[in-house]
Amino acid sequence: AIHWRLAPHEKEFALATAHAAVEALGSDYRLQHG
Protein backbone atom coordinates (compact mmCIF):
# COMPACT_ATOMS: atom_id res chain seq x y z
CA ALA A 1 0.00 0.00 0.00
CA ILE A 2 1.06 3.57 -0.76
CA HIS A 3 -0.21 6.09 1.82
CA TRP A 4 -0.24 9.88 1.43
CA ARG A 5 -2.38 10.97 4.40
CA LEU A 6 0.65 12.79 5.85
CA ALA A 7 1.37 14.45 2.48
CA PRO A 8 -1.94 15.24 0.74
CA HIS A 9 -0.08 17.43 -1.78
CA GLU A 10 1.64 14.27 -3.04
CA LYS A 11 -1.62 12.55 -3.98
CA GLU A 12 -1.09 12.72 -7.74
CA PHE A 13 2.49 11.48 -7.42
CA ALA A 14 1.41 8.58 -5.20
CA LEU A 15 -1.44 7.58 -7.51
CA ALA A 16 0.74 7.79 -10.62
CA THR A 17 3.39 5.68 -8.91
CA ALA A 18 0.84 3.07 -7.87
CA HIS A 19 -0.75 2.91 -11.33
CA ALA A 20 2.65 2.53 -13.01
CA ALA A 21 3.60 -0.28 -10.64
CA VAL A 22 0.39 -2.26 -11.15
CA GLU A 23 0.55 -1.79 -14.92
CA ALA A 24 4.07 -3.23 -14.93
CA LEU A 25 2.91 -6.21 -12.86
CA GLY A 26 0.20 -7.15 -15.35
CA SER A 27 -3.27 -8.65 -15.04
CA ASP A 28 -2.48 -10.88 -12.05
CA TYR A 29 -2.59 -7.76 -9.87
CA ARG A 30 -4.96 -4.85 -9.42
CA LEU A 31 -5.16 -1.50 -7.63
CA GLN A 32 -7.50 -0.99 -4.68
CA HIS A 33 -8.28 2.63 -3.77
CA GLY A 34 -9.04 3.76 -0.24
PDB file of all heavy atoms in Angstrom:
ATOM      1  N   ALA A   1       0.831  -1.200   0.000  1.00  0.00           N
ATOM      2  CA  ALA A   1       0.000   0.000   0.000  1.00  0.00           C
ATOM      3  C   ALA A   1       0.869   1.256   0.000  1.00  0.00           C
ATOM      4  O   ALA A   1       1.910   1.300   0.665  1.00  0.00           O
ATOM      5  CB  ALA A   1      -0.924   0.009   1.214  1.00  0.00           C
ATOM      6  N   ILE A   2       0.422   2.261  -0.736  1.00  0.00           N
ATOM      7  CA  ILE A   2       1.064   3.572  -0.758  1.00  0.00           C
ATOM      8  C   ILE A   2       0.129   4.555  -0.067  1.00  0.00           C
ATOM      9  O   ILE A   2      -1.004   4.776  -0.524  1.00  0.00           O
ATOM     10  CB  ILE A   2       1.354   4.034  -2.194  1.00  0.00           C
ATOM     11  CG1 ILE A   2       2.189   2.994  -2.930  1.00  0.00           C
ATOM     12  CG2 ILE A   2       2.060   5.391  -2.183  1.00  0.00           C
ATOM     13  CD1 ILE A   2       2.442   3.335  -4.392  1.00  0.00           C
ATOM     14  N   HIS A   3       0.587   5.155   1.037  1.00  0.00           N
ATOM     15  CA  HIS A   3      -0.212   6.094   1.824  1.00  0.00           C
ATOM     16  C   HIS A   3       0.292   7.525   1.611  1.00  0.00           C
ATOM     17  O   HIS A   3       1.500   7.752   1.570  1.00  0.00           O
ATOM     18  CB  HIS A   3      -0.103   5.779   3.321  1.00  0.00           C
ATOM     19  CG  HIS A   3      -0.645   4.449   3.722  1.00  0.00           C
ATOM     20  ND1 HIS A   3      -1.918   4.287   4.223  1.00  0.00           N
ATOM     21  CD2 HIS A   3      -0.083   3.200   3.702  1.00  0.00           C
ATOM     22  CE1 HIS A   3      -2.118   3.012   4.507  1.00  0.00           C
ATOM     23  NE2 HIS A   3      -1.023   2.331   4.202  1.00  0.00           N
ATOM     24  N   TRP A   4      -0.644   8.471   1.523  1.00  0.00           N
ATOM     25  CA  TRP A   4      -0.242   9.881   1.434  1.00  0.00           C
ATOM     26  C   TRP A   4      -1.051  10.764   2.382  1.00  0.00           C
ATOM     27  O   TRP A   4      -1.123  11.959   2.218  1.00  0.00           O
ATOM     28  CB  TRP A   4      -0.370  10.388  -0.015  1.00  0.00           C
ATOM     29  CG  TRP A   4      -1.769  10.323  -0.590  1.00  0.00           C
ATOM     30  CD1 TRP A   4      -2.749  11.267  -0.503  1.00  0.00           C
ATOM     31  CD2 TRP A   4      -2.328   9.232  -1.336  1.00  0.00           C
ATOM     32  NE1 TRP A   4      -3.892  10.846  -1.142  1.00  0.00           N
ATOM     33  CE2 TRP A   4      -3.655   9.609  -1.674  1.00  0.00           C
ATOM     34  CE3 TRP A   4      -1.863   7.992  -1.763  1.00  0.00           C
ATOM     35  CZ2 TRP A   4      -4.503   8.759  -2.405  1.00  0.00           C
ATOM     36  CZ3 TRP A   4      -2.701   7.170  -2.478  1.00  0.00           C
ATOM     37  CH2 TRP A   4      -3.993   7.553  -2.799  1.00  0.00           C
ATOM     38  N   ARG A   5      -1.600  10.184   3.436  1.00  0.00           N
ATOM     39  CA  ARG A   5      -2.377  10.969   4.398  1.00  0.00           C
ATOM     40  C   ARG A   5      -1.535  12.072   5.033  1.00  0.00           C
ATOM     41  O   ARG A   5      -2.032  13.168   5.319  1.00  0.00           O
ATOM     42  CB  ARG A   5      -2.954  10.056   5.480  1.00  0.00           C
ATOM     43  CG  ARG A   5      -3.861  10.773   6.487  1.00  0.00           C
ATOM     44  CD  ARG A   5      -4.529   9.777   7.422  1.00  0.00           C
ATOM     45  NE  ARG A   5      -5.367   8.844   6.675  1.00  0.00           N
ATOM     46  CZ  ARG A   5      -6.611   9.104   6.279  1.00  0.00           C
ATOM     47  NH1 ARG A   5      -7.153  10.269   6.561  1.00  0.00           N
ATOM     48  NH2 ARG A   5      -7.296   8.208   5.617  1.00  0.00           N
ATOM     49  N   LEU A   6      -0.244  11.800   5.254  1.00  0.00           N
ATOM     50  CA  LEU A   6       0.651  12.788   5.851  1.00  0.00           C
ATOM     51  C   LEU A   6       1.158  13.805   4.833  1.00  0.00           C
ATOM     52  O   LEU A   6       1.785  14.795   5.211  1.00  0.00           O
ATOM     53  CB  LEU A   6       1.852  12.086   6.498  1.00  0.00           C
ATOM     54  CG  LEU A   6       1.551  11.258   7.757  1.00  0.00           C
ATOM     55  CD1 LEU A   6       2.764  10.421   8.137  1.00  0.00           C
ATOM     56  CD2 LEU A   6       1.145  12.167   8.906  1.00  0.00           C
ATOM     57  N   ALA A   7       0.897  13.555   3.553  1.00  0.00           N
ATOM     58  CA  ALA A   7       1.371  14.451   2.485  1.00  0.00           C
ATOM     59  C   ALA A   7       0.295  14.556   1.401  1.00  0.00           C
ATOM     60  O   ALA A   7       0.487  14.057   0.286  1.00  0.00           O
ATOM     61  CB  ALA A   7       2.681  13.934   1.905  1.00  0.00           C
ATOM     62  N   PRO A   8      -0.834  15.184   1.714  1.00  0.00           N
ATOM     63  CA  PRO A   8      -1.935  15.243   0.742  1.00  0.00           C
ATOM     64  C   PRO A   8      -1.549  15.901  -0.579  1.00  0.00           C
ATOM     65  O   PRO A   8      -2.137  15.600  -1.618  1.00  0.00           O
ATOM     66  CB  PRO A   8      -3.021  16.037   1.475  1.00  0.00           C
ATOM     67  CG  PRO A   8      -2.322  16.725   2.609  1.00  0.00           C
ATOM     68  CD  PRO A   8      -1.181  15.856   2.982  1.00  0.00           C
ATOM     69  N   HIS A   9      -0.540  16.782  -0.550  1.00  0.00           N
ATOM     70  CA  HIS A   9      -0.082  17.433  -1.782  1.00  0.00           C
ATOM     71  C   HIS A   9       0.629  16.454  -2.715  1.00  0.00           C
ATOM     72  O   HIS A   9       0.858  16.773  -3.891  1.00  0.00           O
ATOM     73  CB  HIS A   9       0.858  18.593  -1.440  1.00  0.00           C
ATOM     74  CG  HIS A   9       2.062  18.185  -0.650  1.00  0.00           C
ATOM     75  ND1 HIS A   9       1.991  17.876   0.694  1.00  0.00           N
ATOM     76  CD2 HIS A   9       3.367  18.014  -1.020  1.00  0.00           C
ATOM     77  CE1 HIS A   9       3.202  17.534   1.120  1.00  0.00           C
ATOM     78  NE2 HIS A   9       4.050  17.614   0.103  1.00  0.00           N
ATOM     79  N   GLU A  10       0.966  15.278  -2.218  1.00  0.00           N
ATOM     80  CA  GLU A  10       1.638  14.268  -3.036  1.00  0.00           C
ATOM     81  C   GLU A  10       0.664  13.225  -3.595  1.00  0.00           C
ATOM     82  O   GLU A  10       1.085  12.193  -4.114  1.00  0.00           O
ATOM     83  CB  GLU A  10       2.724  13.551  -2.218  1.00  0.00           C
ATOM     84  CG  GLU A  10       3.840  14.436  -1.720  1.00  0.00           C
ATOM     85  CD  GLU A  10       4.797  14.874  -2.836  1.00  0.00           C
ATOM     86  OE1 GLU A  10       4.512  14.605  -4.026  1.00  0.00           O
ATOM     87  OE2 GLU A  10       5.829  15.479  -2.504  1.00  0.00           O
ATOM     88  N   LYS A  11      -0.625  13.517  -3.527  1.00  0.00           N
ATOM     89  CA  LYS A  11      -1.624  12.547  -3.976  1.00  0.00           C
ATOM     90  C   LYS A  11      -1.399  12.114  -5.421  1.00  0.00           C
ATOM     91  O   LYS A  11      -1.393  10.912  -5.730  1.00  0.00           O
ATOM     92  CB  LYS A  11      -3.030  13.126  -3.815  1.00  0.00           C
ATOM     93  CG  LYS A  11      -4.128  12.223  -4.353  1.00  0.00           C
ATOM     94  CD  LYS A  11      -5.503  12.858  -4.201  1.00  0.00           C
ATOM     95  CE  LYS A  11      -6.590  11.969  -4.792  1.00  0.00           C
ATOM     96  NZ  LYS A  11      -7.946  12.572  -4.653  1.00  0.00           N
ATOM     97  N   GLU A  12      -1.237  13.069  -6.324  1.00  0.00           N
ATOM     98  CA  GLU A  12      -1.091  12.724  -7.739  1.00  0.00           C
ATOM     99  C   GLU A  12       0.164  11.899  -7.981  1.00  0.00           C
ATOM    100  O   GLU A  12       0.166  10.945  -8.775  1.00  0.00           O
ATOM    101  CB  GLU A  12      -1.089  13.991  -8.593  1.00  0.00           C
ATOM    102  CG  GLU A  12      -2.395  14.770  -8.550  1.00  0.00           C
ATOM    103  CD  GLU A  12      -3.597  13.907  -8.919  1.00  0.00           C
ATOM    104  OE1 GLU A  12      -3.469  13.088  -9.860  1.00  0.00           O
ATOM    105  OE2 GLU A  12      -4.654  14.018  -8.264  1.00  0.00           O
ATOM    106  N   PHE A  13       1.255  12.266  -7.307  1.00  0.00           N
ATOM    107  CA  PHE A  13       2.486  11.481  -7.417  1.00  0.00           C
ATOM    108  C   PHE A  13       2.266  10.051  -6.938  1.00  0.00           C
ATOM    109  O   PHE A  13       2.659   9.078  -7.606  1.00  0.00           O
ATOM    110  CB  PHE A  13       3.608  12.137  -6.606  1.00  0.00           C
ATOM    111  CG  PHE A  13       4.766  11.218  -6.327  1.00  0.00           C
ATOM    112  CD1 PHE A  13       5.732  10.993  -7.296  1.00  0.00           C
ATOM    113  CD2 PHE A  13       4.882  10.568  -5.099  1.00  0.00           C
ATOM    114  CE1 PHE A  13       6.795  10.133  -7.044  1.00  0.00           C
ATOM    115  CE2 PHE A  13       5.937   9.715  -4.842  1.00  0.00           C
ATOM    116  CZ  PHE A  13       6.904   9.494  -5.818  1.00  0.00           C
ATOM    117  N   ALA A  14       1.616   9.908  -5.769  1.00  0.00           N
ATOM    118  CA  ALA A  14       1.410   8.580  -5.199  1.00  0.00           C
ATOM    119  C   ALA A  14       0.521   7.724  -6.101  1.00  0.00           C
ATOM    120  O   ALA A  14       0.807   6.543  -6.334  1.00  0.00           O
ATOM    121  CB  ALA A  14       0.797   8.701  -3.810  1.00  0.00           C
ATOM    122  N   LEU A  15      -0.538   8.330  -6.635  1.00  0.00           N
ATOM    123  CA  LEU A  15      -1.436   7.580  -7.513  1.00  0.00           C
ATOM    124  C   LEU A  15      -0.742   7.178  -8.809  1.00  0.00           C
ATOM    125  O   LEU A  15      -0.895   6.042  -9.280  1.00  0.00           O
ATOM    126  CB  LEU A  15      -2.680   8.413  -7.817  1.00  0.00           C
ATOM    127  CG  LEU A  15      -3.722   8.500  -6.703  1.00  0.00           C
ATOM    128  CD1 LEU A  15      -4.810   9.503  -7.067  1.00  0.00           C
ATOM    129  CD2 LEU A  15      -4.336   7.127  -6.433  1.00  0.00           C
ATOM    130  N   ALA A  16       0.015   8.104  -9.385  1.00  0.00           N
ATOM    131  CA  ALA A  16       0.737   7.788 -10.624  1.00  0.00           C
ATOM    132  C   ALA A  16       1.747   6.671 -10.389  1.00  0.00           C
ATOM    133  O   ALA A  16       1.907   5.766 -11.234  1.00  0.00           O
ATOM    134  CB  ALA A  16       1.426   9.036 -11.152  1.00  0.00           C
ATOM    135  N   THR A  17       2.417   6.716  -9.245  1.00  0.00           N
ATOM    136  CA  THR A  17       3.391   5.677  -8.913  1.00  0.00           C
ATOM    137  C   THR A  17       2.714   4.321  -8.758  1.00  0.00           C
ATOM    138  O   THR A  17       3.207   3.299  -9.256  1.00  0.00           O
ATOM    139  CB  THR A  17       4.127   6.054  -7.614  1.00  0.00           C
ATOM    140  OG1 THR A  17       4.801   7.305  -7.794  1.00  0.00           O
ATOM    141  CG2 THR A  17       5.137   4.986  -7.235  1.00  0.00           C
ATOM    142  N   ALA A  18       1.574   4.315  -8.076  1.00  0.00           N
ATOM    143  CA  ALA A  18       0.840   3.068  -7.872  1.00  0.00           C
ATOM    144  C   ALA A  18       0.334   2.503  -9.195  1.00  0.00           C
ATOM    145  O   ALA A  18       0.441   1.298  -9.461  1.00  0.00           O
ATOM    146  CB  ALA A  18      -0.314   3.293  -6.903  1.00  0.00           C
ATOM    147  N   HIS A  19      -0.235   3.359 -10.036  1.00  0.00           N
ATOM    148  CA  HIS A  19      -0.755   2.908 -11.329  1.00  0.00           C
ATOM    149  C   HIS A  19       0.362   2.351 -12.213  1.00  0.00           C
ATOM    150  O   HIS A  19       0.180   1.326 -12.885  1.00  0.00           O
ATOM    151  CB  HIS A  19      -1.472   4.058 -12.041  1.00  0.00           C
ATOM    152  CG  HIS A  19      -2.871   4.273 -11.571  1.00  0.00           C
ATOM    153  ND1 HIS A  19      -3.914   3.462 -11.957  1.00  0.00           N
ATOM    154  CD2 HIS A  19      -3.400   5.206 -10.747  1.00  0.00           C
ATOM    155  CE1 HIS A  19      -5.035   3.887 -11.391  1.00  0.00           C
ATOM    156  NE2 HIS A  19      -4.753   4.938 -10.644  1.00  0.00           N
ATOM    157  N   ALA A  20       1.518   3.007 -12.210  1.00  0.00           N
ATOM    158  CA  ALA A  20       2.648   2.530 -13.011  1.00  0.00           C
ATOM    159  C   ALA A  20       3.120   1.164 -12.521  1.00  0.00           C
ATOM    160  O   ALA A  20       3.434   0.268 -13.325  1.00  0.00           O
ATOM    161  CB  ALA A  20       3.789   3.538 -12.962  1.00  0.00           C
ATOM    162  N   ALA A  21       3.137   0.983 -11.210  1.00  0.00           N
ATOM    163  CA  ALA A  21       3.598  -0.281 -10.642  1.00  0.00           C
ATOM    164  C   ALA A  21       2.644  -1.424 -10.996  1.00  0.00           C
ATOM    165  O   ALA A  21       3.086  -2.515 -11.385  1.00  0.00           O
ATOM    166  CB  ALA A  21       3.740  -0.162  -9.131  1.00  0.00           C
ATOM    167  N   VAL A  22       1.337  -1.185 -10.875  1.00  0.00           N
ATOM    168  CA  VAL A  22       0.388  -2.265 -11.150  1.00  0.00           C
ATOM    169  C   VAL A  22       0.322  -2.567 -12.642  1.00  0.00           C
ATOM    170  O   VAL A  22       0.126  -3.722 -13.057  1.00  0.00           O
ATOM    171  CB  VAL A  22      -0.997  -1.931 -10.557  1.00  0.00           C
ATOM    172  CG1 VAL A  22      -1.788  -0.981 -11.442  1.00  0.00           C
ATOM    173  CG2 VAL A  22      -1.797  -3.200 -10.301  1.00  0.00           C
ATOM    174  N   GLU A  23       0.524  -1.557 -13.478  1.00  0.00           N
ATOM    175  CA  GLU A  23       0.551  -1.794 -14.918  1.00  0.00           C
ATOM    176  C   GLU A  23       1.751  -2.669 -15.292  1.00  0.00           C
ATOM    177  O   GLU A  23       1.638  -3.570 -16.142  1.00  0.00           O
ATOM    178  CB  GLU A  23       0.611  -0.465 -15.668  1.00  0.00           C
ATOM    179  CG  GLU A  23       0.549  -0.615 -17.180  1.00  0.00           C
ATOM    180  CD  GLU A  23       0.498   0.717 -17.895  1.00  0.00           C
ATOM    181  OE1 GLU A  23       0.230   1.741 -17.233  1.00  0.00           O
ATOM    182  OE2 GLU A  23       0.732   0.730 -19.118  1.00  0.00           O
ATOM    183  N   ALA A  24       2.883  -2.428 -14.655  1.00  0.00           N
ATOM    184  CA  ALA A  24       4.073  -3.227 -14.928  1.00  0.00           C
ATOM    185  C   ALA A  24       3.906  -4.670 -14.449  1.00  0.00           C
ATOM    186  O   ALA A  24       4.461  -5.601 -15.049  1.00  0.00           O
ATOM    187  CB  ALA A  24       5.288  -2.596 -14.249  1.00  0.00           C
ATOM    188  N   LEU A  25       3.115  -4.865 -13.401  1.00  0.00           N
ATOM    189  CA  LEU A  25       2.906  -6.206 -12.863  1.00  0.00           C
ATOM    190  C   LEU A  25       1.988  -7.048 -13.744  1.00  0.00           C
ATOM    191  O   LEU A  25       2.074  -8.278 -13.741  1.00  0.00           O
ATOM    192  CB  LEU A  25       2.331  -6.119 -11.447  1.00  0.00           C
ATOM    193  CG  LEU A  25       3.314  -5.740 -10.343  1.00  0.00           C
ATOM    194  CD1 LEU A  25       2.579  -5.345  -9.076  1.00  0.00           C
ATOM    195  CD2 LEU A  25       4.285  -6.882 -10.076  1.00  0.00           C
ATOM    196  N   GLY A  26       1.075  -6.419 -14.461  1.00  0.00           N
ATOM    197  CA  GLY A  26       0.196  -7.155 -15.353  1.00  0.00           C
ATOM    198  C   GLY A  26      -1.126  -7.547 -14.703  1.00  0.00           C
ATOM    199  O   GLY A  26      -1.444  -7.154 -13.582  1.00  0.00           O
ATOM    200  N   SER A  27      -1.878  -8.377 -15.398  1.00  0.00           N
ATOM    201  CA  SER A  27      -3.269  -8.655 -15.043  1.00  0.00           C
ATOM    202  C   SER A  27      -3.439  -9.503 -13.782  1.00  0.00           C
ATOM    203  O   SER A  27      -4.559  -9.634 -13.283  1.00  0.00           O
ATOM    204  CB  SER A  27      -3.981  -9.350 -16.208  1.00  0.00           C
ATOM    205  OG  SER A  27      -3.340 -10.580 -16.517  1.00  0.00           O
ATOM    206  N   ASP A  28      -2.370 -10.090 -13.278  1.00  0.00           N
ATOM    207  CA  ASP A  28      -2.478 -10.878 -12.048  1.00  0.00           C
ATOM    208  C   ASP A  28      -2.647  -9.998 -10.814  1.00  0.00           C
ATOM    209  O   ASP A  28      -2.932 -10.511  -9.721  1.00  0.00           O
ATOM    210  CB  ASP A  28      -1.240 -11.752 -11.854  1.00  0.00           C
ATOM    211  CG  ASP A  28      -1.197 -12.916 -12.836  1.00  0.00           C
ATOM    212  OD1 ASP A  28      -2.256 -13.247 -13.406  1.00  0.00           O
ATOM    213  OD2 ASP A  28      -0.107 -13.478 -13.038  1.00  0.00           O
ATOM    214  N   TYR A  29      -2.485  -8.678 -10.987  1.00  0.00           N
ATOM    215  CA  TYR A  29      -2.585  -7.756  -9.866  1.00  0.00           C
ATOM    216  C   TYR A  29      -3.519  -6.601 -10.232  1.00  0.00           C
ATOM    217  O   TYR A  29      -3.735  -6.308 -11.410  1.00  0.00           O
ATOM    218  CB  TYR A  29      -1.200  -7.221  -9.478  1.00  0.00           C
ATOM    219  CG  TYR A  29      -0.297  -8.321  -8.965  1.00  0.00           C
ATOM    220  CD1 TYR A  29       0.466  -9.080  -9.850  1.00  0.00           C
ATOM    221  CD2 TYR A  29      -0.244  -8.621  -7.618  1.00  0.00           C
ATOM    222  CE1 TYR A  29       1.262 -10.122  -9.399  1.00  0.00           C
ATOM    223  CE2 TYR A  29       0.558  -9.657  -7.150  1.00  0.00           C
ATOM    224  CZ  TYR A  29       1.301 -10.406  -8.044  1.00  0.00           C
ATOM    225  OH  TYR A  29       2.070 -11.440  -7.588  1.00  0.00           O
ATOM    226  N   ARG A  30      -4.069  -5.979  -9.210  1.00  0.00           N
ATOM    227  CA  ARG A  30      -4.964  -4.845  -9.421  1.00  0.00           C
ATOM    228  C   ARG A  30      -4.710  -3.788  -8.358  1.00  0.00           C
ATOM    229  O   ARG A  30      -4.022  -4.039  -7.349  1.00  0.00           O
ATOM    230  CB  ARG A  30      -6.429  -5.282  -9.387  1.00  0.00           C
ATOM    231  CG  ARG A  30      -6.916  -5.780  -8.026  1.00  0.00           C
ATOM    232  CD  ARG A  30      -8.382  -6.162  -8.085  1.00  0.00           C
ATOM    233  NE  ARG A  30      -8.880  -6.649  -6.806  1.00  0.00           N
ATOM    234  CZ  ARG A  30      -9.356  -5.874  -5.834  1.00  0.00           C
ATOM    235  NH1 ARG A  30      -9.378  -4.551  -5.998  1.00  0.00           N
ATOM    236  NH2 ARG A  30      -9.802  -6.377  -4.704  1.00  0.00           N
ATOM    237  N   LEU A  31      -5.307  -2.613  -8.569  1.00  0.00           N
ATOM    238  CA  LEU A  31      -5.155  -1.499  -7.633  1.00  0.00           C
ATOM    239  C   LEU A  31      -6.460  -1.314  -6.870  1.00  0.00           C
ATOM    240  O   LEU A  31      -7.537  -1.269  -7.456  1.00  0.00           O
ATOM    241  CB  LEU A  31      -4.807  -0.226  -8.397  1.00  0.00           C
ATOM    242  CG  LEU A  31      -4.139   0.907  -7.603  1.00  0.00           C
ATOM    243  CD1 LEU A  31      -2.826   0.440  -7.000  1.00  0.00           C
ATOM    244  CD2 LEU A  31      -3.913   2.107  -8.509  1.00  0.00           C
ATOM    245  N   GLN A  32      -6.346  -1.229  -5.551  1.00  0.00           N
ATOM    246  CA  GLN A  32      -7.497  -0.995  -4.683  1.00  0.00           C
ATOM    247  C   GLN A  32      -7.355   0.379  -4.050  1.00  0.00           C
ATOM    248  O   GLN A  32      -6.386   0.649  -3.333  1.00  0.00           O
ATOM    249  CB  GLN A  32      -7.556  -2.053  -3.583  1.00  0.00           C
ATOM    250  CG  GLN A  32      -8.660  -1.851  -2.565  1.00  0.00           C
ATOM    251  CD  GLN A  32     -10.013  -2.147  -3.142  1.00  0.00           C
ATOM    252  OE1 GLN A  32     -10.324  -3.282  -3.477  1.00  0.00           O
ATOM    253  NE2 GLN A  32     -10.843  -1.119  -3.272  1.00  0.00           N
ATOM    254  N   HIS A  33      -8.324   1.269  -4.312  1.00  0.00           N
ATOM    255  CA  HIS A  33      -8.278   2.626  -3.772  1.00  0.00           C
ATOM    256  C   HIS A  33      -8.980   2.687  -2.425  1.00  0.00           C
ATOM    257  O   HIS A  33      -9.991   2.013  -2.190  1.00  0.00           O
ATOM    258  CB  HIS A  33      -8.938   3.605  -4.748  1.00  0.00           C
ATOM    259  CG  HIS A  33      -8.215   3.721  -6.051  1.00  0.00           C
ATOM    260  ND1 HIS A  33      -7.094   4.502  -6.213  1.00  0.00           N
ATOM    261  CD2 HIS A  33      -8.441   3.130  -7.253  1.00  0.00           C
ATOM    262  CE1 HIS A  33      -6.667   4.411  -7.455  1.00  0.00           C
ATOM    263  NE2 HIS A  33      -7.459   3.575  -8.113  1.00  0.00           N
ATOM    264  N   GLY A  34      -8.430   3.527  -1.540  1.00  0.00           N
ATOM    265  CA  GLY A  34      -9.035   3.756  -0.240  1.00  0.00           C
ATOM    266  C   GLY A  34      -8.865   5.204   0.166  1.00  0.00           C
ATOM    267  O   GLY A  34      -8.653   6.078  -0.677  1.00  0.00           O
TER     268      GLY A  34
END
